[in-house]
Structures are given as C-alpha cells and as structure tokens.
C-alpha cells in the first residue's frame, strides 16, 4: 500500500483528476449561464422576471442545504461516495430540460443541479484541501476554483454561440447529458477517498475539545467565530451578485438591444477572469494573508456593478464590468474557503466548510429574489444598484473584522513542520 503523504506533488495524480472533475462540475452549471433566462422568455412566454429567476432560486436553495449536509455525509459515508451520489443526481437533469412541457420542469431540473453542485463541488473542494495540507492551501483552492469557473466560462460561451444556430434548449440538454455521464464514470472508476489524509494531518494538531457536530459547526461558522462570521457573510453577498449576473444580466442586456453573441461574450468573460484569476489569487493569499484580498475584492465587485448600470447595456462598458466582476470574484472566492479552512481543525473541516458553503450559496436564492422582485417592482437598474451597495458594505465588514492567526506558506526550501510550517500574522 502506498504511504499516505500530504502535499500537491505527493498527490499530483489524484489532485489533477479532481481538478478535471471540478471543471466538469463547473461546465454543468455553465451550460445555463447565457441562454436559460432567454429560454424562459422565448420558449415558455414568461414575462415576470421573478418567475424567470425562480430557476436560480431553486438552484440556490437546493445547493445551499446540500452544502450544509455534505460535510456530515462525507464524515459518515466517505468523500468518494458523496462525490458519486452528486454526479448521479445530475443524470436526470438533461432529461427534465429536454422534455420540459412547462417552466416547472426547468425549476425541478435546477433543484437536482443544485444537489449535484452541492455534493460534487463540495467534495472536490474538501478532497483537494485534504490532499494539499496547510502550507499550500490557497494555491490548491485557487487551482480548484479556477478549473471550476473556467469550466463555467467555456460552457457559457459555447452554449451562447451554438444557440445562435441551434435551439438553445437542445444545446443545454445535450451538453448536460455528456458532462453528467463523463463525471459519473470518472468518479466511480478513478477517484480515491481522502479520509487517511485527514487523519494524518489531524495528528499534527492540538486535538483539544470534542469534534464539532453539525449543530455546533453551524453556530461557530455562522455567529460565534468573528473570522468565520465575516467569511460567511462575504460568501453570501458574493453569490448574491453572482445570481444577479447569471439571471438578470442577460435579460438586462437583451432588453437594451444586445445580440445573443454579445450576451454570450459578456457572460463568458466574467467567469473566465474569475477562473483564471484564481490561479494567482489563491497562491497570493498564502503569502499576503486572506483579509486584504477578500475586502478589496468585494469592493472591486461593487465598482463593476456600478459600471454595468452606468453603461446602460452598451457592449464596451458591459464587457469592462464583466472583466472587473470576474477579477473581484477571483480575489475573494478561493481566499474565503482557504480562510475558513485555516480557522478549523482538520477533523471539523468538512462540516465547517459545509456551513460556510451553505451561507455562500444561499446568496443565490437571495440574489434571485432581490433581482426578480426589484426588477418587477422598480427596474433592473434599481436591483443592480442595491446589490452593488450590499457588496460594498460586505467588503467593509471584512475590513473592520479583527483577523486572527493564519498559516503562512514557508519560504521555498524551509522544512515544513507537522503543523504545515505555520507562522502567524
């Protein structure tokens, strides 16, 4: 039996496989990014933006509660089994979308898609943290999230381009069928569980106190610990504006005369910058600390949304807004998960990260409600402006939080201690 070791190099094969799998998880949801809101208008004759965005609401609620359960399920059944269950949940999605006689079937498909994302993405995140160890945690998460959101971007752009020549709904369900099958097969045949890596890392920690239950993990990550509380609210607001970009931005641009291809480009640039930027920001947070990137990233996102509103749907400012929104999100996304992982024992990681991801992805549901109701009662401009203000306020909350100890990656060549070479800032 191969000895269990921590580190990216020691686990390169499994880590690379999980990176590829997360790209498929991202592509699964990216299929809907540029076309599904338009399908609601054109194929199903929906006029209420709140009703159209019900698919984002359903996705967000399902993913949030699945994230919350994922940590406990992983501890009970193992990481790999939960990953496989996540992919099995995706298999009916293309059938529901392809055969949908009404919008309710699309909403139901997105409930299953939320379960798929909550289980499969959660497990790829947690398993990479398990494999990497603490010294390169930010880099590991940057690679994970980069793969996922480059998958989102590629699928969003491809479906948008193909939708100009083929029926948009057909493009979505065919792509979803291929991705779900490939993801399921790879997970069943090639992924190995990482429970032994968790046990190895835990041996290098002070194990005082009892492991968290789901109840105590929820209280700690939501309210009791100030750093975890700051991370949870920032994650929620980040995905709140992501829901707006996903569900409302295509409708906002289309109403102002943008073509399907222009919308596809804007919809793709955002996750491209989000995905590619994380290759740098995750690594950078290992050296500069988590807090500066999180606080400033939220403020960059707020500026991007203001530019989108000020541009009034014109292509150049919309493209700039998508670029900045992607950059700001890249600064925040892997850094938040790394910060949450820093603040908990390895034995509690799955549950604490699950609680954080619950709050983060509950932002999809709130974002859908704010974008839909705000647009129906006032205007898209009012809804986007409100979200921009909430995003800026979230960044200021992080900036005002007293940040506690954080593991810093050792200088290259420095021996790594059992605790991962921790220094404290």
Protein backbone atom coordinates (compact mmCIF):
# COMPACT_ATOMS: atom_id res chain seq x y z
CA UNK A 1 0.00 0.00 0.00
CA UNK A 2 1.29 3.46 -0.91
CA UNK A 3 2.23 5.61 2.09
CA UNK A 4 -0.14 8.49 2.77
CA UNK A 5 1.54 11.88 2.37
CA UNK A 6 0.30 15.47 2.27
CA UNK A 7 1.23 17.94 -0.46
CA UNK A 8 0.45 18.77 -4.07
CA UNK A 9 3.48 16.97 -5.50
CA UNK A 10 2.94 13.83 -3.44
CA UNK A 11 -0.70 13.61 -4.59
CA UNK A 12 -0.32 15.03 -8.10
CA UNK A 13 -2.30 12.33 -9.93
CA UNK A 14 -5.37 12.40 -7.68
CA UNK A 15 -5.22 16.17 -7.34
CA UNK A 16 -5.12 16.59 -11.14
CA UNK A 17 -8.05 14.21 -11.56
CA UNK A 18 -10.09 16.22 -9.04
CA UNK A 19 -9.17 19.45 -10.87
CA UNK A 20 -10.51 17.95 -14.10
CA UNK A 21 -13.66 16.74 -12.38
CA UNK A 22 -14.32 20.18 -10.97
CA UNK A 23 -14.04 21.64 -14.46
CA UNK A 24 -16.86 19.28 -15.43
CA UNK A 25 -18.90 20.30 -12.37
CA UNK A 26 -18.48 23.94 -13.40
CA UNK A 27 -19.36 23.22 -17.03
CA UNK A 28 -22.57 21.53 -15.88
CA UNK A 29 -23.91 24.76 -14.41
CA UNK A 30 -22.21 26.96 -17.05
CA UNK A 31 -24.45 25.46 -19.74
CA UNK A 32 -27.31 27.60 -18.41
CA UNK A 33 -25.42 30.85 -17.91
CA UNK A 34 -26.01 32.66 -21.17
CA UNK A 35 -29.22 31.14 -22.53
CA UNK A 36 -31.63 29.77 -19.91
CA UNK A 37 -33.14 33.14 -18.87
CA UNK A 38 -33.81 33.81 -22.55
CA UNK A 39 -35.39 30.35 -22.90
CA UNK A 40 -37.84 31.36 -20.17
CA UNK A 41 -38.92 34.39 -22.20
CA UNK A 42 -38.90 32.90 -25.69
CA UNK A 43 -39.82 29.21 -25.24
CA UNK A 44 -42.20 29.48 -22.29
CA UNK A 45 -43.57 33.01 -22.74
CA UNK A 46 -42.68 34.20 -19.24
CA UNK A 47 -42.76 37.94 -18.57
CA UNK A 48 -42.26 38.19 -14.82
CA UNK A 49 -38.55 38.42 -14.01
CA UNK A 50 -39.26 36.92 -10.60
CA UNK A 51 -40.81 33.86 -12.25
CA UNK A 52 -37.96 33.52 -14.74
CA UNK A 53 -35.40 33.73 -11.95
CA UNK A 54 -37.21 31.02 -9.98
CA UNK A 55 -34.77 28.54 -11.53
CA UNK A 56 -31.87 30.40 -9.86
CA UNK A 57 -33.81 30.49 -6.58
CA UNK A 58 -34.44 26.74 -6.75
CA UNK A 59 -30.81 26.06 -7.60
CA UNK A 60 -29.54 28.26 -4.77
CA UNK A 61 -31.77 26.80 -2.06
CA UNK A 62 -31.03 23.22 -3.13
CA UNK A 63 -27.30 23.82 -3.32
CA UNK A 64 -27.16 25.69 -0.01
CA UNK A 65 -28.89 22.98 2.01
CA UNK A 66 -26.96 20.25 0.20
CA UNK A 67 -23.71 22.01 1.12
CA UNK A 68 -24.85 22.06 4.73
CA UNK A 69 -25.46 18.32 4.70
CA UNK A 70 -22.40 17.45 2.60
CA UNK A 71 -19.88 17.66 5.44
CA UNK A 72 -21.79 15.30 7.72
CA UNK A 73 -22.47 12.94 4.83
CA UNK A 74 -18.76 12.91 3.98
CA UNK A 75 -17.84 12.07 7.56
CA UNK A 76 -20.38 9.26 7.68
CA UNK A 77 -20.05 7.70 4.22
CA UNK A 78 -16.70 8.97 2.90
CA UNK A 79 -15.77 11.67 0.42
CA UNK A 80 -15.80 9.48 -2.70
CA UNK A 81 -19.28 8.05 -2.11
CA UNK A 82 -20.76 11.52 -1.66
CA UNK A 83 -18.99 12.68 -4.85
CA UNK A 84 -20.53 9.79 -6.81
CA UNK A 85 -24.01 10.49 -5.37
CA UNK A 86 -23.59 14.10 -6.52
CA UNK A 87 -22.96 13.01 -10.09
CA UNK A 88 -25.85 10.54 -10.01
CA UNK A 89 -28.14 13.45 -9.07
CA UNK A 90 -27.10 15.19 -12.31
CA UNK A 91 -28.14 12.37 -14.64
CA UNK A 92 -31.89 13.29 -14.78
CA UNK A 93 -31.14 16.99 -15.41
CA UNK A 94 -30.80 16.78 -19.23
CA UNK A 95 -33.97 14.69 -19.47
CA UNK A 96 -36.02 17.23 -17.50
CA UNK A 97 -34.68 20.16 -19.52
CA UNK A 98 -35.03 18.45 -22.90
CA UNK A 99 -38.60 17.21 -22.35
CA UNK A 100 -39.93 20.08 -20.21
CA UNK A 101 -43.54 20.92 -21.16
CA UNK A 102 -43.56 23.90 -18.79
CA UNK A 103 -41.19 26.03 -16.69
CA UNK A 104 -41.80 23.89 -13.61
CA UNK A 105 -39.72 21.10 -15.14
CA UNK A 106 -36.82 23.56 -15.63
CA UNK A 107 -37.11 24.56 -11.97
CA UNK A 108 -37.11 20.88 -10.94
CA UNK A 109 -34.02 20.27 -13.07
CA UNK A 110 -32.27 23.08 -11.24
CA UNK A 111 -33.13 21.57 -7.86
CA UNK A 112 -31.24 18.44 -8.97
CA UNK A 113 -28.49 20.61 -10.43
CA UNK A 114 -28.16 22.34 -7.07
CA UNK A 115 -27.84 18.94 -5.36
CA UNK A 116 -25.22 17.92 -7.91
CA UNK A 117 -23.23 21.09 -7.35
CA UNK A 118 -23.60 20.96 -3.58
CA UNK A 119 -22.29 17.40 -3.32
CA UNK A 120 -19.84 17.14 -6.21
CA UNK A 121 -18.24 20.59 -5.90
CA UNK A 122 -18.11 20.33 -2.10
CA UNK A 123 -16.30 17.01 -2.29
CA UNK A 124 -13.76 18.14 -4.89
CA UNK A 125 -13.02 21.18 -2.70
CA UNK A 126 -12.69 19.20 0.52
CA UNK A 127 -10.69 16.39 -1.06
CA UNK A 128 -8.17 18.83 -2.53
CA UNK A 129 -7.77 20.52 0.87
CA UNK A 130 -7.23 17.06 2.37
CA UNK A 131 -4.54 16.19 -0.17
CA UNK A 132 -2.69 19.51 -0.21
CA UNK A 133 -2.08 20.04 3.50
CA UNK A 134 -1.99 23.50 5.10
CA UNK A 135 1.15 25.04 3.57
CA UNK A 136 -0.24 25.36 0.02
CA UNK A 137 -3.93 25.51 0.82
CA UNK A 138 -4.55 28.78 -1.01
CA UNK A 139 -2.81 27.52 -4.16
CA UNK A 140 -4.77 24.27 -4.04
CA UNK A 141 -8.08 26.10 -3.75
CA UNK A 142 -7.08 28.54 -6.47
CA UNK A 143 -6.46 25.62 -8.82
CA UNK A 144 -9.75 24.00 -7.82
CA UNK A 145 -11.89 27.09 -8.25
CA UNK A 146 -10.04 28.14 -11.40
CA UNK A 147 -10.85 24.81 -13.02
CA UNK A 148 -14.49 25.01 -11.95
CA UNK A 149 -15.09 28.52 -13.22
CA UNK A 150 -13.11 28.12 -16.40
CA UNK A 151 -15.48 25.21 -16.97
CA UNK A 152 -18.39 27.57 -16.31
CA UNK A 153 -16.95 30.13 -18.76
CA UNK A 154 -16.25 27.64 -21.53
CA UNK A 155 -19.74 26.15 -21.30
CA UNK A 156 -21.41 29.58 -21.10
CA UNK A 157 -19.60 30.85 -24.18
CA UNK A 158 -20.08 27.64 -26.17
CA UNK A 159 -23.80 27.41 -25.48
CA UNK A 160 -24.26 31.09 -26.30
CA UNK A 161 -22.52 30.69 -29.66
CA UNK A 162 -24.30 27.45 -30.54
CA UNK A 163 -27.65 28.97 -29.53
CA UNK A 164 -27.34 31.36 -32.48
CA UNK A 165 -27.60 28.34 -34.83
CA UNK A 166 -29.43 25.67 -32.83
CA UNK A 167 -32.35 25.60 -30.38
CA UNK A 168 -30.93 26.87 -27.06
CA UNK A 169 -32.71 24.23 -25.00
CA UNK A 170 -31.29 21.45 -27.19
CA UNK A 171 -27.77 22.80 -26.72
CA UNK A 172 -28.22 22.77 -22.93
CA UNK A 173 -29.64 19.26 -22.54
CA UNK A 174 -27.22 17.57 -24.94
CA UNK A 175 -24.24 19.18 -23.22
CA UNK A 176 -25.62 18.27 -19.79
CA UNK A 177 -26.05 14.62 -20.78
CA UNK A 178 -22.45 14.30 -21.97
CA UNK A 179 -20.95 16.04 -18.93
CA UNK A 180 -23.04 14.11 -16.38
CA UNK A 181 -22.11 10.74 -17.87
CA UNK A 182 -18.38 11.52 -18.05
CA UNK A 183 -18.32 12.93 -14.49
CA UNK A 184 -20.10 9.87 -13.08
CA UNK A 185 -17.78 7.37 -14.80
CA UNK A 186 -14.59 9.18 -13.74
CA UNK A 187 -15.76 9.47 -10.13
CA UNK A 188 -16.72 5.80 -9.85
CA UNK A 189 -13.65 4.33 -11.51
CA UNK A 190 -10.71 6.58 -10.67
CA UNK A 191 -11.25 8.77 -7.59
CA UNK A 192 -9.83 7.55 -4.25
CA UNK A 193 -11.12 8.62 -0.85
CA UNK A 194 -9.01 11.04 1.23
CA UNK A 195 -10.01 10.07 4.77
CA UNK A 196 -6.48 8.81 5.54
CA UNK A 197 -5.03 12.21 4.62
CA UNK A 198 -7.35 13.93 7.10
CA UNK A 199 -6.26 11.55 9.86
CA UNK A 200 -2.58 12.20 9.04
CA UNK A 201 -2.99 15.99 9.19
CA UNK A 202 -5.06 15.81 12.38
CA UNK A 203 -2.19 14.05 14.16
CA UNK A 204 -0.12 17.24 13.79
CA UNK A 205 -2.75 19.39 15.53
CA UNK A 206 -3.68 20.04 19.12
CA UNK A 207 -6.85 17.98 19.39
CA UNK A 208 -8.31 19.62 22.49
CA UNK A 209 -12.07 19.59 22.80
CA UNK A 210 -14.61 17.44 21.03
CA UNK A 211 -15.18 17.37 17.27
CA UNK A 212 -17.97 19.61 16.04
CA UNK A 213 -21.43 18.26 15.44
CA UNK A 214 -23.37 19.85 12.60
CA UNK A 215 -25.23 21.97 15.17
CA UNK A 216 -22.11 23.34 16.85
CA UNK A 217 -20.35 23.78 13.49
CA UNK A 218 -23.29 25.85 12.25
CA UNK A 219 -23.22 28.10 15.31
CA UNK A 220 -19.45 28.53 15.17
CA UNK A 221 -19.21 29.32 11.46
CA UNK A 222 -22.34 31.49 11.40
CA UNK A 223 -22.14 33.55 14.59
CA UNK A 224 -19.59 32.69 17.27
CA UNK A 225 -16.24 32.96 15.48
CA UNK A 226 -15.71 36.51 14.11
CA UNK A 227 -13.48 35.47 11.20
CA UNK A 228 -15.81 32.66 10.14
CA UNK A 229 -18.79 35.00 10.52
CA UNK A 230 -17.11 37.59 8.28
CA UNK A 231 -16.30 34.92 5.71
CA UNK A 232 -19.85 33.55 5.72
CA UNK A 233 -21.46 36.94 5.11
CA UNK A 234 -18.93 37.81 2.39
CA UNK A 235 -19.57 34.48 0.66
CA UNK A 236 -23.32 35.06 0.81
CA UNK A 237 -23.06 38.53 -0.73
CA UNK A 238 -20.57 37.36 -3.36
CA UNK A 239 -23.02 34.76 -4.64
CA UNK A 240 -25.87 37.21 -4.31
CA UNK A 241 -24.28 39.34 -7.02
CA UNK A 242 -23.33 36.20 -8.96
CA UNK A 243 -27.02 35.27 -9.09
CA UNK A 244 -27.73 38.72 -10.46
CA UNK A 245 -25.03 38.29 -13.13
CA UNK A 246 -26.41 34.85 -14.02
CA UNK A 247 -30.12 35.54 -14.08
CA UNK A 248 -30.65 39.27 -14.61
CA UNK A 249 -27.65 40.47 -16.65
CA UNK A 250 -28.63 38.57 -19.84
CA UNK A 251 -32.16 39.98 -19.63
CA UNK A 252 -30.83 43.48 -18.82
CA UNK A 253 -28.56 43.42 -21.89
CA UNK A 254 -31.15 41.85 -24.21
CA UNK A 255 -33.72 44.49 -23.28
CA UNK A 256 -31.20 47.13 -24.41
CA UNK A 257 -30.64 45.55 -27.81
CA UNK A 258 -27.61 43.31 -27.21
CA UNK A 259 -27.31 40.31 -29.55
CA UNK A 260 -27.17 36.72 -28.30
CA UNK A 261 -23.47 36.55 -29.19
CA UNK A 262 -22.70 39.79 -27.33
CA UNK A 263 -24.51 38.44 -24.28
CA UNK A 264 -22.55 35.18 -24.59
CA UNK A 265 -19.25 37.09 -24.64
CA UNK A 266 -20.17 39.14 -21.57
CA UNK A 267 -21.48 36.03 -19.80
CA UNK A 268 -18.21 34.20 -20.55
CA UNK A 269 -15.69 36.97 -19.76
CA UNK A 270 -16.90 37.18 -16.17
CA UNK A 271 -16.20 33.52 -15.26
CA UNK A 272 -13.03 33.46 -17.43
CA UNK A 273 -11.49 36.22 -15.32
CA UNK A 274 -12.95 34.64 -12.20
CA UNK A 275 -11.47 31.26 -13.11
CA UNK A 276 -8.08 32.30 -14.45
CA UNK A 277 -7.56 34.95 -11.78
CA UNK A 278 -7.82 32.36 -9.03
CA UNK A 279 -4.62 30.73 -10.27
CA UNK A 280 -2.88 33.86 -8.96
CA UNK A 281 -5.07 34.96 -6.05
CA UNK A 282 -5.22 31.59 -4.31
CA UNK A 283 -1.43 31.33 -4.37
CA UNK A 284 -1.04 35.00 -3.39
CA UNK A 285 -3.22 34.60 -0.30
CA UNK A 286 -0.74 32.05 1.08
CA UNK A 287 1.83 34.84 1.29
CA UNK A 288 -0.03 38.12 1.78
CA UNK A 289 -2.86 36.93 4.00
CA UNK A 290 -6.55 36.34 3.34
CA UNK A 291 -8.18 39.53 4.63
CA UNK A 292 -6.71 42.11 2.18
CA UNK A 293 -7.79 40.12 -0.87
CA UNK A 294 -11.29 39.46 0.47
CA UNK A 295 -12.05 43.05 1.49
CA UNK A 296 -10.66 44.66 -1.66
CA UNK A 297 -12.21 42.01 -3.91
CA UNK A 298 -15.70 42.79 -2.63
CA UNK A 299 -15.15 46.49 -3.33
CA UNK A 300 -13.96 45.74 -6.89
CA UNK A 301 -17.16 43.75 -7.47
CA UNK A 302 -19.26 46.69 -6.29
CA UNK A 303 -17.47 49.03 -8.72
CA UNK A 304 -18.11 46.55 -11.56
CA UNK A 305 -21.86 46.53 -10.91
CA UNK A 306 -21.97 50.33 -10.90
CA UNK A 307 -20.19 50.37 -14.28
CA UNK A 308 -22.77 47.90 -15.63
CA UNK A 309 -25.58 50.23 -14.57
CA UNK A 310 -23.84 53.37 -15.83
CA UNK A 311 -23.18 51.75 -19.22
CA UNK A 312 -26.92 51.14 -19.72
CA UNK A 313 -26.39 47.94 -21.69
CA UNK A 314 -23.76 49.21 -24.15
CA UNK A 315 -21.29 46.50 -25.07
CA UNK A 316 -17.91 48.12 -24.10
CA UNK A 317 -18.90 49.11 -20.52
CA UNK A 318 -20.71 45.78 -20.07
CA UNK A 319 -17.54 43.98 -21.09
CA UNK A 320 -15.49 46.09 -18.66
CA UNK A 321 -17.99 45.39 -15.91
CA UNK A 322 -17.78 41.64 -16.59
CA UNK A 323 -13.97 41.83 -16.52
CA UNK A 324 -13.87 43.65 -13.18
CA UNK A 325 -16.59 41.47 -11.66
CA UNK A 326 -14.51 38.43 -12.56
CA UNK A 327 -11.33 39.95 -11.12
CA UNK A 328 -13.05 40.92 -7.89
CA UNK A 329 -14.62 37.50 -7.51
CA UNK A 330 -11.26 35.81 -8.19
CA UNK A 331 -9.75 37.82 -5.33
CA UNK A 332 -12.48 36.61 -2.97
CA UNK A 333 -13.53 33.09 -3.89
CA UNK A 334 -10.60 30.76 -3.16
CA UNK A 335 -9.37 33.08 -0.40
CA UNK A 336 -12.60 32.74 1.56
CA UNK A 337 -12.52 28.94 1.54
CA UNK A 338 -8.83 28.99 2.48
CA UNK A 339 -9.58 31.36 5.37
CA UNK A 340 -12.39 29.11 6.60
CA UNK A 341 -10.10 26.07 6.39
CA UNK A 342 -7.38 27.94 8.31
CA UNK A 343 -9.78 28.58 11.17
CA UNK A 344 -10.81 24.99 11.90
CA UNK A 345 -9.33 21.64 12.89
CA UNK A 346 -8.85 19.11 10.05
CA UNK A 347 -11.36 16.78 11.75
CA UNK A 348 -14.00 19.57 11.61
CA UNK A 349 -13.15 20.79 8.12
CA UNK A 350 -15.92 19.08 6.17
CA UNK A 351 -18.66 20.38 8.47
CA UNK A 352 -17.27 23.92 8.86
CA UNK A 353 -16.66 24.31 5.13
CA UNK A 354 -20.16 22.92 4.53
CA UNK A 355 -21.69 25.61 6.76
CA UNK A 356 -19.70 28.32 5.00
CA UNK A 357 -20.81 26.99 1.62
CA UNK A 358 -24.42 26.89 2.87
CA UNK A 359 -24.33 30.62 3.57
CA UNK A 360 -22.38 31.38 0.42
CA UNK A 361 -24.78 29.55 -1.88
CA UNK A 362 -27.86 30.78 -0.04
CA UNK A 363 -26.77 34.02 -1.70
CA UNK A 364 -28.05 32.57 -4.99
CA UNK A 365 -31.55 32.40 -3.54
CA UNK A 366 -31.43 35.90 -2.06
CA UNK A 367 -29.89 37.27 -5.24
CA UNK A 368 -32.65 35.77 -7.35
CA UNK A 369 -35.32 37.28 -5.09
CA UNK A 370 -33.70 40.72 -4.99
CA UNK A 371 -33.06 40.77 -8.74
CA UNK A 372 -36.50 39.47 -9.68
CA UNK A 373 -38.66 41.39 -7.21
CA UNK A 374 -36.54 44.53 -7.53
CA UNK A 375 -36.91 44.47 -11.30
CA UNK A 376 -40.64 43.76 -11.25
CA UNK A 377 -41.37 46.45 -8.64
CA UNK A 378 -38.86 49.07 -9.77
CA UNK A 379 -36.30 48.41 -12.55
CA UNK A 380 -33.21 46.34 -13.35
CA UNK A 381 -31.12 49.42 -12.63
CA UNK A 382 -32.52 49.69 -9.10
CA UNK A 383 -31.94 45.99 -8.43
CA UNK A 384 -28.32 46.10 -9.65
CA UNK A 385 -27.60 49.29 -7.69
CA UNK A 386 -28.95 47.74 -4.49
CA UNK A 387 -26.75 44.67 -4.95
CA UNK A 388 -23.72 46.91 -5.59
CA UNK A 389 -24.35 48.71 -2.29
CA UNK A 390 -24.68 45.42 -0.39
CA UNK A 391 -21.44 44.17 -1.95
CA UNK A 392 -19.51 47.28 -0.91
CA UNK A 393 -20.92 47.05 2.62
CA UNK A 394 -19.83 43.41 2.84
CA UNK A 395 -16.26 44.35 1.95
CA UNK A 396 -16.25 47.00 4.66
CA UNK A 397 -17.47 44.43 7.22
CA UNK A 398 -14.50 42.21 6.37
CA UNK A 399 -12.13 45.17 6.60
CA UNK A 400 -13.49 46.00 10.07
CA UNK A 401 -13.12 42.44 11.39
CA UNK A 402 -10.09 41.67 13.55
CA UNK A 403 -8.37 38.88 11.67
CA UNK A 404 -6.86 36.14 13.76
CA UNK A 405 -3.95 33.80 13.14
CA UNK A 406 -3.37 32.46 9.67
CA UNK A 407 -0.92 29.84 8.41
CA UNK A 408 1.64 31.37 6.02
CA UNK A 409 3.37 29.29 3.39
CA UNK A 410 7.04 28.77 4.26
CA UNK A 411 9.79 30.21 2.12
CA UNK A 412 10.82 27.72 -0.55
CA UNK A 413 13.47 25.42 0.89
CA UNK A 414 12.30 25.80 4.51
CA UNK A 415 11.42 22.47 6.18
CA UNK A 416 7.73 22.02 6.84
CA UNK A 417 6.71 21.18 10.40
CA UNK A 418 3.87 18.75 11.23
CA UNK A 419 1.61 21.79 11.51
CA UNK A 420 2.45 22.79 7.95
CA UNK A 421 5.18 25.33 8.79
CA UNK A 422 2.72 27.72 10.37
CA UNK A 423 3.74 31.25 11.10
CA UNK A 424 1.13 33.67 12.41
CA UNK A 425 0.11 37.09 11.20
